Amino acid sequence: MNLRTRVMIIGGVVGALLGVSAAYLYLRSTPVELDEDGREQLPAVQTGKALTAGLGVLTVLKQITGLGQS
């Protein structure tokens, strides 16, 4: 297995673990509501908070790409 394949696999596994961790933390911090049929549903995410989180992710990605440039 060449270097690029190993890096892609490791990055995918780390990304999946981070995604599951983020979902777990989100579910722990957000109250679950019941709709009229008795099914669980999450409240709508505010646009400002979603935009802030998205910009934070882009900032982290930019910092990661800067690691290889010295």
N, C-alpha and C. Protein backbone atom coordinates (compact mmCIF):
# COMPACT_ATOMS: atom_id res chain seq x y z
N MET A 1 0.85 -1.16 0.00
CA MET A 1 0.00 0.00 0.00
C MET A 1 0.90 1.23 0.00
N ASN A 2 0.61 2.17 -0.90
CA ASN A 2 1.48 3.33 -0.99
C ASN A 2 1.09 4.40 0.04
N LEU A 3 1.91 5.42 0.14
CA LEU A 3 1.76 6.45 1.17
C LEU A 3 0.43 7.19 1.04
N ARG A 4 0.06 7.57 -0.17
CA ARG A 4 -1.18 8.32 -0.36
C ARG A 4 -2.40 7.53 0.09
N THR A 5 -2.42 6.25 -0.21
CA THR A 5 -3.55 5.41 0.20
C THR A 5 -3.63 5.32 1.72
N ARG A 6 -2.48 5.13 2.37
CA ARG A 6 -2.46 5.06 3.84
C ARG A 6 -2.95 6.36 4.47
N VAL A 7 -2.48 7.49 3.93
CA VAL A 7 -2.89 8.79 4.48
C VAL A 7 -4.38 9.00 4.28
N MET A 8 -4.92 8.63 3.12
CA MET A 8 -6.35 8.77 2.87
C MET A 8 -7.18 7.89 3.80
N ILE A 9 -6.74 6.67 4.04
CA ILE A 9 -7.47 5.77 4.94
C ILE A 9 -7.43 6.30 6.37
N ILE A 10 -6.26 6.71 6.82
CA ILE A 10 -6.15 7.25 8.18
C ILE A 10 -6.99 8.52 8.33
N GLY A 11 -6.94 9.38 7.34
CA GLY A 11 -7.76 10.60 7.39
C GLY A 11 -9.24 10.30 7.41
N GLY A 12 -9.67 9.30 6.64
CA GLY A 12 -11.08 8.91 6.64
C GLY A 12 -11.53 8.36 7.97
N VAL A 13 -10.70 7.54 8.59
CA VAL A 13 -11.05 6.96 9.89
C VAL A 13 -11.09 8.06 10.96
N VAL A 14 -10.10 8.94 10.96
CA VAL A 14 -10.08 10.03 11.94
C VAL A 14 -11.28 10.95 11.72
N GLY A 15 -11.60 11.26 10.47
CA GLY A 15 -12.75 12.10 10.18
C GLY A 15 -14.06 11.47 10.62
N ALA A 16 -14.19 10.16 10.41
CA ALA A 16 -15.40 9.46 10.84
C ALA A 16 -15.53 9.48 12.37
N LEU A 17 -14.42 9.26 13.07
CA LEU A 17 -14.45 9.29 14.53
C LEU A 17 -14.80 10.68 15.05
N LEU A 18 -14.25 11.71 14.42
CA LEU A 18 -14.58 13.08 14.82
C LEU A 18 -16.05 13.40 14.55
N GLY A 19 -16.56 12.92 13.43
CA GLY A 19 -17.96 13.16 13.10
C GLY A 19 -18.90 12.48 14.07
N VAL A 20 -18.62 11.23 14.43
CA VAL A 20 -19.44 10.52 15.41
C VAL A 20 -19.36 11.20 16.77
N SER A 21 -18.17 11.64 17.15
CA SER A 21 -18.01 12.35 18.42
C SER A 21 -18.80 13.65 18.43
N ALA A 22 -18.76 14.40 17.35
CA ALA A 22 -19.51 15.65 17.26
C ALA A 22 -21.01 15.40 17.33
N ALA A 23 -21.48 14.35 16.66
CA ALA A 23 -22.91 14.01 16.71
C ALA A 23 -23.32 13.62 18.12
N TYR A 24 -22.48 12.84 18.81
CA TYR A 24 -22.76 12.43 20.18
C TYR A 24 -22.87 13.65 21.10
N LEU A 25 -21.91 14.56 20.99
CA LEU A 25 -21.93 15.76 21.82
C LEU A 25 -23.14 16.64 21.51
N TYR A 26 -23.49 16.72 20.24
CA TYR A 26 -24.67 17.51 19.84
C TYR A 26 -25.94 16.91 20.43
N LEU A 27 -26.07 15.60 20.36
CA LEU A 27 -27.27 14.95 20.91
C LEU A 27 -27.34 15.09 22.43
N ARG A 28 -26.20 15.08 23.09
CA ARG A 28 -26.20 15.25 24.55
C ARG A 28 -26.59 16.66 24.96
N SER A 29 -26.28 17.65 24.14
CA SER A 29 -26.52 19.04 24.53
C SER A 29 -27.85 19.59 24.02
N THR A 30 -28.55 18.86 23.16
CA THR A 30 -29.78 19.35 22.56
C THR A 30 -30.97 18.54 23.07
N PRO A 31 -32.02 19.22 23.53
CA PRO A 31 -33.20 18.48 23.98
C PRO A 31 -33.94 17.86 22.79
N VAL A 32 -34.34 16.61 22.94
CA VAL A 32 -35.08 15.91 21.89
C VAL A 32 -36.56 16.17 22.12
N GLU A 33 -37.27 16.57 21.06
CA GLU A 33 -38.69 16.87 21.15
C GLU A 33 -39.49 15.74 20.50
N LEU A 34 -40.75 15.63 20.88
CA LEU A 34 -41.65 14.65 20.27
C LEU A 34 -42.64 15.38 19.39
N ASP A 35 -42.87 14.86 18.17
CA ASP A 35 -43.88 15.45 17.30
C ASP A 35 -45.24 14.86 17.64
N GLU A 36 -46.27 15.23 16.88
CA GLU A 36 -47.63 14.79 17.19
C GLU A 36 -47.83 13.28 17.02
N ASP A 37 -46.95 12.62 16.25
CA ASP A 37 -47.03 11.16 16.08
C ASP A 37 -46.22 10.41 17.13
N GLY A 38 -45.53 11.12 18.01
CA GLY A 38 -44.74 10.49 19.05
C GLY A 38 -43.32 10.15 18.63
N ARG A 39 -42.89 10.61 17.45
CA ARG A 39 -41.52 10.36 16.98
C ARG A 39 -40.58 11.44 17.51
N GLU A 40 -39.36 11.01 17.79
CA GLU A 40 -38.36 11.97 18.26
C GLU A 40 -37.90 12.86 17.11
N GLN A 41 -37.66 14.13 17.43
CA GLN A 41 -37.12 15.05 16.44
C GLN A 41 -36.30 16.11 17.13
N LEU A 42 -35.27 16.58 16.44
CA LEU A 42 -34.40 17.62 16.97
C LEU A 42 -34.93 18.98 16.57
N PRO A 43 -34.73 19.99 17.41
CA PRO A 43 -35.15 21.33 17.01
C PRO A 43 -34.29 21.84 15.86
N ALA A 44 -34.83 22.80 15.12
CA ALA A 44 -34.11 23.36 13.98
C ALA A 44 -32.85 24.09 14.46
N VAL A 45 -31.79 23.98 13.69
CA VAL A 45 -30.52 24.66 14.01
C VAL A 45 -30.62 26.10 13.51
N GLN A 46 -30.21 27.04 14.35
CA GLN A 46 -30.24 28.44 13.95
C GLN A 46 -29.19 28.69 12.86
N THR A 47 -29.54 29.51 11.90
CA THR A 47 -28.66 29.79 10.77
C THR A 47 -27.32 30.37 11.20
N GLY A 48 -27.33 31.27 12.13
CA GLY A 48 -26.09 31.90 12.61
C GLY A 48 -25.14 30.89 13.24
N LYS A 49 -25.70 29.97 14.03
CA LYS A 49 -24.86 28.97 14.67
C LYS A 49 -24.29 27.99 13.63
N ALA A 50 -25.09 27.63 12.64
CA ALA A 50 -24.60 26.73 11.59
C ALA A 50 -23.50 27.40 10.78
N LEU A 51 -23.67 28.68 10.49
CA LEU A 51 -22.66 29.43 9.74
C LEU A 51 -21.37 29.54 10.55
N THR A 52 -21.48 29.79 11.84
CA THR A 52 -20.30 29.87 12.71
C THR A 52 -19.56 28.54 12.74
N ALA A 53 -20.29 27.44 12.86
CA ALA A 53 -19.66 26.12 12.88
C ALA A 53 -18.99 25.81 11.55
N GLY A 54 -19.64 26.16 10.44
CA GLY A 54 -19.06 25.93 9.12
C GLY A 54 -17.78 26.71 8.90
N LEU A 55 -17.77 27.96 9.33
CA LEU A 55 -16.55 28.77 9.20
C LEU A 55 -15.44 28.23 10.09
N GLY A 56 -15.80 27.69 11.24
CA GLY A 56 -14.80 27.08 12.11
C GLY A 56 -14.16 25.87 11.46
N VAL A 57 -14.97 25.05 10.79
CA VAL A 57 -14.44 23.87 10.08
C VAL A 57 -13.51 24.31 8.96
N LEU A 58 -13.92 25.34 8.21
CA LEU A 58 -13.06 25.83 7.13
C LEU A 58 -11.74 26.38 7.66
N THR A 59 -11.78 27.02 8.81
CA THR A 59 -10.55 27.54 9.43
C THR A 59 -9.61 26.40 9.80
N VAL A 60 -10.16 25.33 10.37
CA VAL A 60 -9.34 24.17 10.73
C VAL A 60 -8.73 23.54 9.48
N LEU A 61 -9.51 23.40 8.41
CA LEU A 61 -8.99 22.82 7.17
C LEU A 61 -7.87 23.69 6.59
N LYS A 62 -8.03 25.01 6.67
CA LYS A 62 -6.98 25.90 6.17
C LYS A 62 -5.70 25.73 6.99
N GLN A 63 -5.84 25.57 8.29
CA GLN A 63 -4.67 25.37 9.15
C GLN A 63 -4.00 24.03 8.86
N ILE A 64 -4.79 23.01 8.57
CA ILE A 64 -4.22 21.71 8.23
C ILE A 64 -3.43 21.78 6.93
N THR A 65 -3.95 22.46 5.93
CA THR A 65 -3.23 22.58 4.67
C THR A 65 -1.95 23.40 4.85
N GLY A 66 -1.92 24.29 5.83
CA GLY A 66 -0.73 25.09 6.09
C GLY A 66 0.36 24.31 6.80
N LEU A 67 0.03 23.14 7.36
CA LEU A 67 1.03 22.34 8.05
C LEU A 67 2.14 21.88 7.12
N GLY A 68 1.79 21.58 5.88
CA GLY A 68 2.77 21.06 4.94
C GLY A 68 3.65 22.14 4.32
N GLN A 69 3.29 23.39 4.53
CA GLN A 69 4.06 24.50 3.94
C GLN A 69 4.91 25.15 5.02
N SER A 70 6.20 25.00 4.90
CA SER A 70 7.09 25.61 5.91
C SER A 70 8.16 26.42 5.24
